[in-house]
Each structure stands twice: as structure tokens, then as C-alpha cells.
PDB file of all heavy atoms in Angstrom:
ATOM      1  N   ALA A   1       5.824  -4.893  -1.081  1.00  0.00           N
ATOM      2  CA  ALA A   1       4.984  -3.693  -0.995  1.00  0.00           C
ATOM      3  C   ALA A   1       4.449  -3.316  -2.374  1.00  0.00           C
ATOM      4  O   ALA A   1       3.287  -2.925  -2.516  1.00  0.00           O
ATOM      5  CB  ALA A   1       5.786  -2.538  -0.404  1.00  0.00           C
ATOM      6  N   GLU A   2       5.282  -3.476  -3.386  1.00  0.00           N
ATOM      7  CA  GLU A   2       4.868  -3.140  -4.746  1.00  0.00           C
ATOM      8  C   GLU A   2       3.752  -4.068  -5.235  1.00  0.00           C
ATOM      9  O   GLU A   2       2.830  -3.625  -5.922  1.00  0.00           O
ATOM     10  CB  GLU A   2       6.064  -3.201  -5.707  1.00  0.00           C
ATOM     11  CG  GLU A   2       7.089  -2.099  -5.499  1.00  0.00           C
ATOM     12  CD  GLU A   2       8.057  -2.375  -4.344  1.00  0.00           C
ATOM     13  OE1 GLU A   2       8.038  -3.491  -3.754  1.00  0.00           O
ATOM     14  OE2 GLU A   2       8.822  -1.449  -4.011  1.00  0.00           O
ATOM     15  N   GLN A   3       3.814  -5.349  -4.869  1.00  0.00           N
ATOM     16  CA  GLN A   3       2.757  -6.283  -5.253  1.00  0.00           C
ATOM     17  C   GLN A   3       1.449  -5.949  -4.543  1.00  0.00           C
ATOM     18  O   GLN A   3       0.375  -6.003  -5.143  1.00  0.00           O
ATOM     19  CB  GLN A   3       3.172  -7.724  -4.927  1.00  0.00           C
ATOM     20  CG  GLN A   3       4.278  -8.246  -5.812  1.00  0.00           C
ATOM     21  CD  GLN A   3       4.869  -9.546  -5.290  1.00  0.00           C
ATOM     22  OE1 GLN A   3       4.987  -9.772  -4.086  1.00  0.00           O
ATOM     23  NE2 GLN A   3       5.253 -10.414  -6.221  1.00  0.00           N
ATOM     24  N   ILE A   4       1.545  -5.606  -3.276  1.00  0.00           N
ATOM     25  CA  ILE A   4       0.362  -5.221  -2.513  1.00  0.00           C
ATOM     26  C   ILE A   4      -0.269  -3.990  -3.154  1.00  0.00           C
ATOM     27  O   ILE A   4      -1.480  -3.943  -3.387  1.00  0.00           O
ATOM     28  CB  ILE A   4       0.717  -4.952  -1.040  1.00  0.00           C
ATOM     29  CG1 ILE A   4       1.206  -6.236  -0.370  1.00  0.00           C
ATOM     30  CG2 ILE A   4      -0.478  -4.358  -0.288  1.00  0.00           C
ATOM     31  CD1 ILE A   4       1.862  -6.031   0.982  1.00  0.00           C
ATOM     32  N   TYR A   5       0.548  -3.011  -3.439  1.00  0.00           N
ATOM     33  CA  TYR A   5       0.068  -1.775  -4.066  1.00  0.00           C
ATOM     34  C   TYR A   5      -0.625  -2.067  -5.401  1.00  0.00           C
ATOM     35  O   TYR A   5      -1.735  -1.603  -5.656  1.00  0.00           O
ATOM     36  CB  TYR A   5       1.231  -0.802  -4.258  1.00  0.00           C
ATOM     37  CG  TYR A   5       0.898   0.388  -5.103  1.00  0.00           C
ATOM     38  CD1 TYR A   5       0.072   1.390  -4.616  1.00  0.00           C
ATOM     39  CD2 TYR A   5       1.409   0.508  -6.392  1.00  0.00           C
ATOM     40  CE1 TYR A   5      -0.239   2.493  -5.397  1.00  0.00           C
ATOM     41  CE2 TYR A   5       1.100   1.601  -7.175  1.00  0.00           C
ATOM     42  CZ  TYR A   5       0.273   2.597  -6.681  1.00  0.00           C
ATOM     43  OH  TYR A   5      -0.040   3.680  -7.457  1.00  0.00           O
ATOM     44  N   ALA A   6       0.018  -2.848  -6.253  1.00  0.00           N
ATOM     45  CA  ALA A   6      -0.550  -3.153  -7.572  1.00  0.00           C
ATOM     46  C   ALA A   6      -1.888  -3.889  -7.458  1.00  0.00           C
ATOM     47  O   ALA A   6      -2.829  -3.591  -8.201  1.00  0.00           O
ATOM     48  CB  ALA A   6       0.443  -3.991  -8.380  1.00  0.00           C
ATOM     49  N   ASP A   7      -1.983  -4.814  -6.520  1.00  0.00           N
ATOM     50  CA  ASP A   7      -3.221  -5.580  -6.357  1.00  0.00           C
ATOM     51  C   ASP A   7      -4.354  -4.742  -5.778  1.00  0.00           C
ATOM     52  O   ASP A   7      -5.515  -4.940  -6.128  1.00  0.00           O
ATOM     53  CB  ASP A   7      -2.981  -6.810  -5.475  1.00  0.00           C
ATOM     54  CG  ASP A   7      -2.167  -7.881  -6.180  1.00  0.00           C
ATOM     55  OD1 ASP A   7      -1.995  -7.797  -7.416  1.00  0.00           O
ATOM     56  OD2 ASP A   7      -1.702  -8.812  -5.491  1.00  0.00           O
ATOM     57  N   LEU A   8      -4.032  -3.816  -4.896  1.00  0.00           N
ATOM     58  CA  LEU A   8      -5.069  -3.015  -4.244  1.00  0.00           C
ATOM     59  C   LEU A   8      -5.426  -1.738  -4.998  1.00  0.00           C
ATOM     60  O   LEU A   8      -6.515  -1.187  -4.817  1.00  0.00           O
ATOM     61  CB  LEU A   8      -4.642  -2.657  -2.814  1.00  0.00           C
ATOM     62  CG  LEU A   8      -4.491  -3.824  -1.850  1.00  0.00           C
ATOM     63  CD1 LEU A   8      -3.982  -3.326  -0.498  1.00  0.00           C
ATOM     64  CD2 LEU A   8      -5.806  -4.566  -1.689  1.00  0.00           C
ATOM     65  N   LYS A   9      -4.538  -1.264  -5.849  1.00  0.00           N
ATOM     66  CA  LYS A   9      -4.725   0.014  -6.540  1.00  0.00           C
ATOM     67  C   LYS A   9      -5.954   0.013  -7.438  1.00  0.00           C
ATOM     68  O   LYS A   9      -6.654   1.022  -7.538  1.00  0.00           O
ATOM     69  CB  LYS A   9      -3.464   0.337  -7.356  1.00  0.00           C
ATOM     70  CG  LYS A   9      -3.517   1.620  -8.122  1.00  0.00           C
ATOM     71  CD  LYS A   9      -3.484   2.802  -7.203  1.00  0.00           C
ATOM     72  CE  LYS A   9      -3.383   4.087  -8.020  1.00  0.00           C
ATOM     73  NZ  LYS A   9      -3.597   5.267  -7.225  1.00  0.00           N
ATOM     74  N   THR A  10      -6.254  -1.091  -8.113  1.00  0.00           N
ATOM     75  CA  THR A  10      -7.386  -1.125  -9.049  1.00  0.00           C
ATOM     76  C   THR A  10      -8.709  -0.868  -8.333  1.00  0.00           C
ATOM     77  O   THR A  10      -9.574  -0.179  -8.866  1.00  0.00           O
ATOM     78  CB  THR A  10      -7.452  -2.483  -9.785  1.00  0.00           C
ATOM     79  OG1 THR A  10      -7.492  -3.529  -8.812  1.00  0.00           O
ATOM     80  CG2 THR A  10      -6.256  -2.658 -10.689  1.00  0.00           C
ATOM     81  N   GLU A  11      -8.868  -1.409  -7.132  1.00  0.00           N
ATOM     82  CA  GLU A  11     -10.100  -1.197  -6.371  1.00  0.00           C
ATOM     83  C   GLU A  11     -10.059   0.079  -5.538  1.00  0.00           C
ATOM     84  O   GLU A  11     -11.108   0.542  -5.084  1.00  0.00           O
ATOM     85  CB  GLU A  11     -10.345  -2.381  -5.434  1.00  0.00           C
ATOM     86  CG  GLU A  11     -10.602  -3.689  -6.153  1.00  0.00           C
ATOM     87  CD  GLU A  11     -10.770  -4.839  -5.177  1.00  0.00           C
ATOM     88  OE1 GLU A  11     -11.200  -4.605  -4.028  1.00  0.00           O
ATOM     89  OE2 GLU A  11     -10.455  -5.975  -5.569  1.00  0.00           O
ATOM     90  N   ASN A  12      -8.870   0.624  -5.328  1.00  0.00           N
ATOM     91  CA  ASN A  12      -8.694   1.800  -4.471  1.00  0.00           C
ATOM     92  C   ASN A  12      -7.784   2.802  -5.157  1.00  0.00           C
ATOM     93  O   ASN A  12      -6.613   2.923  -4.796  1.00  0.00           O
ATOM     94  CB  ASN A  12      -8.096   1.370  -3.129  1.00  0.00           C
ATOM     95  CG  ASN A  12      -8.943   0.331  -2.456  1.00  0.00           C
ATOM     96  OD1 ASN A  12      -9.917   0.674  -1.812  1.00  0.00           O
ATOM     97  ND2 ASN A  12      -8.614  -0.940  -2.636  1.00  0.00           N
ATOM     98  N   PRO A  13      -8.299   3.532  -6.130  1.00  0.00           N
ATOM     99  CA  PRO A  13      -7.465   4.443  -6.928  1.00  0.00           C
ATOM    100  C   PRO A  13      -6.752   5.525  -6.121  1.00  0.00           C
ATOM    101  O   PRO A  13      -5.715   6.025  -6.549  1.00  0.00           O
ATOM    102  CB  PRO A  13      -8.446   5.071  -7.911  1.00  0.00           C
ATOM    103  CG  PRO A  13      -9.720   4.339  -7.780  1.00  0.00           C
ATOM    104  CD  PRO A  13      -9.679   3.525  -6.543  1.00  0.00           C
ATOM    105  N   ALA A  14      -7.268   5.877  -4.951  1.00  0.00           N
ATOM    106  CA  ALA A  14      -6.625   6.915  -4.144  1.00  0.00           C
ATOM    107  C   ALA A  14      -5.410   6.394  -3.370  1.00  0.00           C
ATOM    108  O   ALA A  14      -4.648   7.174  -2.809  1.00  0.00           O
ATOM    109  CB  ALA A  14      -7.644   7.511  -3.161  1.00  0.00           C
ATOM    110  N   LEU A  15      -5.213   5.092  -3.362  1.00  0.00           N
ATOM    111  CA  LEU A  15      -4.098   4.487  -2.634  1.00  0.00           C
ATOM    112  C   LEU A  15      -2.776   4.825  -3.315  1.00  0.00           C
ATOM    113  O   LEU A  15      -2.659   4.748  -4.530  1.00  0.00           O
ATOM    114  CB  LEU A  15      -4.284   2.966  -2.583  1.00  0.00           C
ATOM    115  CG  LEU A  15      -3.293   2.173  -1.748  1.00  0.00           C
ATOM    116  CD1 LEU A  15      -3.488   2.481  -0.257  1.00  0.00           C
ATOM    117  CD2 LEU A  15      -3.468   0.686  -2.011  1.00  0.00           C
ATOM    118  N   SER A  16      -1.780   5.192  -2.512  1.00  0.00           N
ATOM    119  CA  SER A  16      -0.452   5.478  -3.062  1.00  0.00           C
ATOM    120  C   SER A  16       0.550   4.459  -2.535  1.00  0.00           C
ATOM    121  O   SER A  16       0.334   3.842  -1.491  1.00  0.00           O
ATOM    122  CB  SER A  16      -0.002   6.893  -2.687  1.00  0.00           C
ATOM    123  OG  SER A  16       0.290   6.955  -1.306  1.00  0.00           O
ATOM    124  N   LEU A  17       1.650   4.314  -3.252  1.00  0.00           N
ATOM    125  CA  LEU A  17       2.696   3.393  -2.827  1.00  0.00           C
ATOM    126  C   LEU A  17       3.289   3.835  -1.493  1.00  0.00           C
ATOM    127  O   LEU A  17       3.578   2.996  -0.628  1.00  0.00           O
ATOM    128  CB  LEU A  17       3.786   3.281  -3.900  1.00  0.00           C
ATOM    129  CG  LEU A  17       4.913   2.294  -3.625  1.00  0.00           C
ATOM    130  CD1 LEU A  17       4.374   0.884  -3.399  1.00  0.00           C
ATOM    131  CD2 LEU A  17       5.907   2.296  -4.779  1.00  0.00           C
ATOM    132  N   SER A  18       3.439   5.127  -1.281  1.00  0.00           N
ATOM    133  CA  SER A  18       3.980   5.610  -0.001  1.00  0.00           C
ATOM    134  C   SER A  18       3.036   5.278   1.154  1.00  0.00           C
ATOM    135  O   SER A  18       3.490   4.976   2.263  1.00  0.00           O
ATOM    136  CB  SER A  18       4.273   7.111  -0.057  1.00  0.00           C
ATOM    137  OG  SER A  18       3.090   7.842  -0.261  1.00  0.00           O
ATOM    138  N   THR A  19       1.721   5.293   0.915  1.00  0.00           N
ATOM    139  CA  THR A  19       0.752   4.909   1.944  1.00  0.00           C
ATOM    140  C   THR A  19       0.910   3.434   2.283  1.00  0.00           C
ATOM    141  O   THR A  19       0.847   3.044   3.458  1.00  0.00           O
ATOM    142  CB  THR A  19      -0.687   5.194   1.468  1.00  0.00           C
ATOM    143  OG1 THR A  19      -0.820   6.598   1.258  1.00  0.00           O
ATOM    144  CG2 THR A  19      -1.715   4.733   2.476  1.00  0.00           C
ATOM    145  N   VAL A  20       1.129   2.601   1.280  1.00  0.00           N
ATOM    146  CA  VAL A  20       1.338   1.174   1.510  1.00  0.00           C
ATOM    147  C   VAL A  20       2.584   0.978   2.365  1.00  0.00           C
ATOM    148  O   VAL A  20       2.548   0.267   3.381  1.00  0.00           O
ATOM    149  CB  VAL A  20       1.440   0.396   0.180  1.00  0.00           C
ATOM    150  CG1 VAL A  20       1.872  -1.045   0.415  1.00  0.00           C
ATOM    151  CG2 VAL A  20       0.108   0.443  -0.572  1.00  0.00           C
ATOM    152  N   TYR A  21       3.691   1.594   1.990  1.00  0.00           N
ATOM    153  CA  TYR A  21       4.930   1.461   2.766  1.00  0.00           C
ATOM    154  C   TYR A  21       4.749   1.962   4.200  1.00  0.00           C
ATOM    155  O   TYR A  21       5.189   1.312   5.150  1.00  0.00           O
ATOM    156  CB  TYR A  21       6.081   2.225   2.105  1.00  0.00           C
ATOM    157  CG  TYR A  21       6.823   1.434   1.078  1.00  0.00           C
ATOM    158  CD1 TYR A  21       6.712   1.739  -0.279  1.00  0.00           C
ATOM    159  CD2 TYR A  21       7.652   0.380   1.448  1.00  0.00           C
ATOM    160  CE1 TYR A  21       7.400   1.010  -1.236  1.00  0.00           C
ATOM    161  CE2 TYR A  21       8.350  -0.352   0.497  1.00  0.00           C
ATOM    162  CZ  TYR A  21       8.217  -0.026  -0.837  1.00  0.00           C
ATOM    163  OH  TYR A  21       8.904  -0.759  -1.780  1.00  0.00           O
ATOM    164  N   ARG A  22       4.136   3.113   4.370  1.00  0.00           N
ATOM    165  CA  ARG A  22       3.942   3.685   5.698  1.00  0.00           C
ATOM    166  C   ARG A  22       3.124   2.738   6.588  1.00  0.00           C
ATOM    167  O   ARG A  22       3.478   2.487   7.737  1.00  0.00           O
ATOM    168  CB  ARG A  22       3.260   5.051   5.593  1.00  0.00           C
ATOM    169  CG  ARG A  22       3.090   5.774   6.899  1.00  0.00           C
ATOM    170  CD  ARG A  22       2.579   7.215   6.756  1.00  0.00           C
ATOM    171  NE  ARG A  22       1.393   7.360   5.910  1.00  0.00           N
ATOM    172  CZ  ARG A  22       1.409   7.764   4.626  1.00  0.00           C
ATOM    173  NH1 ARG A  22       2.545   8.087   4.049  1.00  0.00           N
ATOM    174  NH2 ARG A  22       0.288   7.870   3.942  1.00  0.00           N
ATOM    175  N   ASN A  23       2.054   2.185   6.028  1.00  0.00           N
ATOM    176  CA  ASN A  23       1.211   1.285   6.817  1.00  0.00           C
ATOM    177  C   ASN A  23       1.881  -0.059   7.070  1.00  0.00           C
ATOM    178  O   ASN A  23       1.707  -0.644   8.146  1.00  0.00           O
ATOM    179  CB  ASN A  23      -0.150   1.119   6.148  1.00  0.00           C
ATOM    180  CG  ASN A  23      -1.033   2.313   6.414  1.00  0.00           C
ATOM    181  OD1 ASN A  23      -1.499   2.503   7.524  1.00  0.00           O
ATOM    182  ND2 ASN A  23      -1.243   3.145   5.405  1.00  0.00           N
ATOM    183  N   LEU A  24       2.640  -0.561   6.119  1.00  0.00           N
ATOM    184  CA  LEU A  24       3.395  -1.796   6.355  1.00  0.00           C
ATOM    185  C   LEU A  24       4.397  -1.600   7.480  1.00  0.00           C
ATOM    186  O   LEU A  24       4.564  -2.469   8.339  1.00  0.00           O
ATOM    187  CB  LEU A  24       4.099  -2.252   5.074  1.00  0.00           C
ATOM    188  CG  LEU A  24       3.204  -2.813   3.983  1.00  0.00           C
ATOM    189  CD1 LEU A  24       3.991  -3.017   2.695  1.00  0.00           C
ATOM    190  CD2 LEU A  24       2.549  -4.115   4.421  1.00  0.00           C
ATOM    191  N   ASN A  25       5.068  -0.457   7.496  1.00  0.00           N
ATOM    192  CA  ASN A  25       6.028  -0.164   8.561  1.00  0.00           C
ATOM    193  C   ASN A  25       5.337  -0.081   9.920  1.00  0.00           C
ATOM    194  O   ASN A  25       5.846  -0.608  10.914  1.00  0.00           O
ATOM    195  CB  ASN A  25       6.791   1.126   8.271  1.00  0.00           C
ATOM    196  CG  ASN A  25       7.803   0.953   7.164  1.00  0.00           C
ATOM    197  OD1 ASN A  25       8.287  -0.145   6.910  1.00  0.00           O
ATOM    198  ND2 ASN A  25       8.117   2.034   6.476  1.00  0.00           N
ATOM    199  N   LEU A  26       4.177   0.560   9.977  1.00  0.00           N
ATOM    200  CA  LEU A  26       3.435   0.651  11.237  1.00  0.00           C
ATOM    201  C   LEU A  26       2.960  -0.724  11.711  1.00  0.00           C
ATOM    202  O   LEU A  26       3.106  -1.066  12.887  1.00  0.00           O
ATOM    203  CB  LEU A  26       2.217   1.570  11.072  1.00  0.00           C
ATOM    204  CG  LEU A  26       2.466   3.058  11.204  1.00  0.00           C
ATOM    205  CD1 LEU A  26       1.206   3.841  10.833  1.00  0.00           C
ATOM    206  CD2 LEU A  26       2.900   3.400  12.619  1.00  0.00           C
ATOM    207  N   LEU A  27       2.387  -1.503  10.800  1.00  0.00           N
ATOM    208  CA  LEU A  27       1.900  -2.835  11.158  1.00  0.00           C
ATOM    209  C   LEU A  27       3.038  -3.734  11.630  1.00  0.00           C
ATOM    210  O   LEU A  27       2.873  -4.530  12.551  1.00  0.00           O
ATOM    211  CB  LEU A  27       1.157  -3.461   9.981  1.00  0.00           C
ATOM    212  CG  LEU A  27      -0.191  -2.823   9.631  1.00  0.00           C
ATOM    213  CD1 LEU A  27      -0.678  -3.300   8.269  1.00  0.00           C
ATOM    214  CD2 LEU A  27      -1.217  -3.115  10.717  1.00  0.00           C
ATOM    215  N   THR A  28       4.210  -3.571  11.018  1.00  0.00           N
ATOM    216  CA  THR A  28       5.389  -4.333  11.441  1.00  0.00           C
ATOM    217  C   THR A  28       5.851  -3.870  12.817  1.00  0.00           C
ATOM    218  O   THR A  28       6.134  -4.686  13.697  1.00  0.00           O
ATOM    219  CB  THR A  28       6.532  -4.174  10.414  1.00  0.00           C
ATOM    220  OG1 THR A  28       6.086  -4.641   9.140  1.00  0.00           O
ATOM    221  CG2 THR A  28       7.759  -4.956  10.834  1.00  0.00           C
ATOM    222  N   GLU A  29       5.921  -2.573  13.004  1.00  0.00           N
ATOM    223  CA  GLU A  29       6.351  -1.995  14.284  1.00  0.00           C
ATOM    224  C   GLU A  29       5.458  -2.459  15.437  1.00  0.00           C
ATOM    225  O   GLU A  29       5.943  -2.747  16.537  1.00  0.00           O
ATOM    226  CB  GLU A  29       6.314  -0.470  14.190  1.00  0.00           C
ATOM    227  CG  GLU A  29       6.717   0.258  15.438  1.00  0.00           C
ATOM    228  CD  GLU A  29       6.600   1.760  15.281  1.00  0.00           C
ATOM    229  OE1 GLU A  29       6.825   2.271  14.168  1.00  0.00           O
ATOM    230  OE2 GLU A  29       6.272   2.426  16.287  1.00  0.00           O
TER     231      GLU A  29
END
């Protein structure tokens, strides 16, 4: 999740690590 966040953050400054985790959990579910 941290790698995903770091790679996407530069193009999407509003993205937060908690948003990444929340969406990963939903996509997994």
C-alpha cells in the first residue's frame, strides 16, 4: 500500500495513505 501511495501521490497530491488502504480493502473484499 505504501508503494502504491508513493507512486500515485506525485500525480495526485490530494491522495492520502488512508484512502489507498480503504480502497485496497474494498477492492479485496
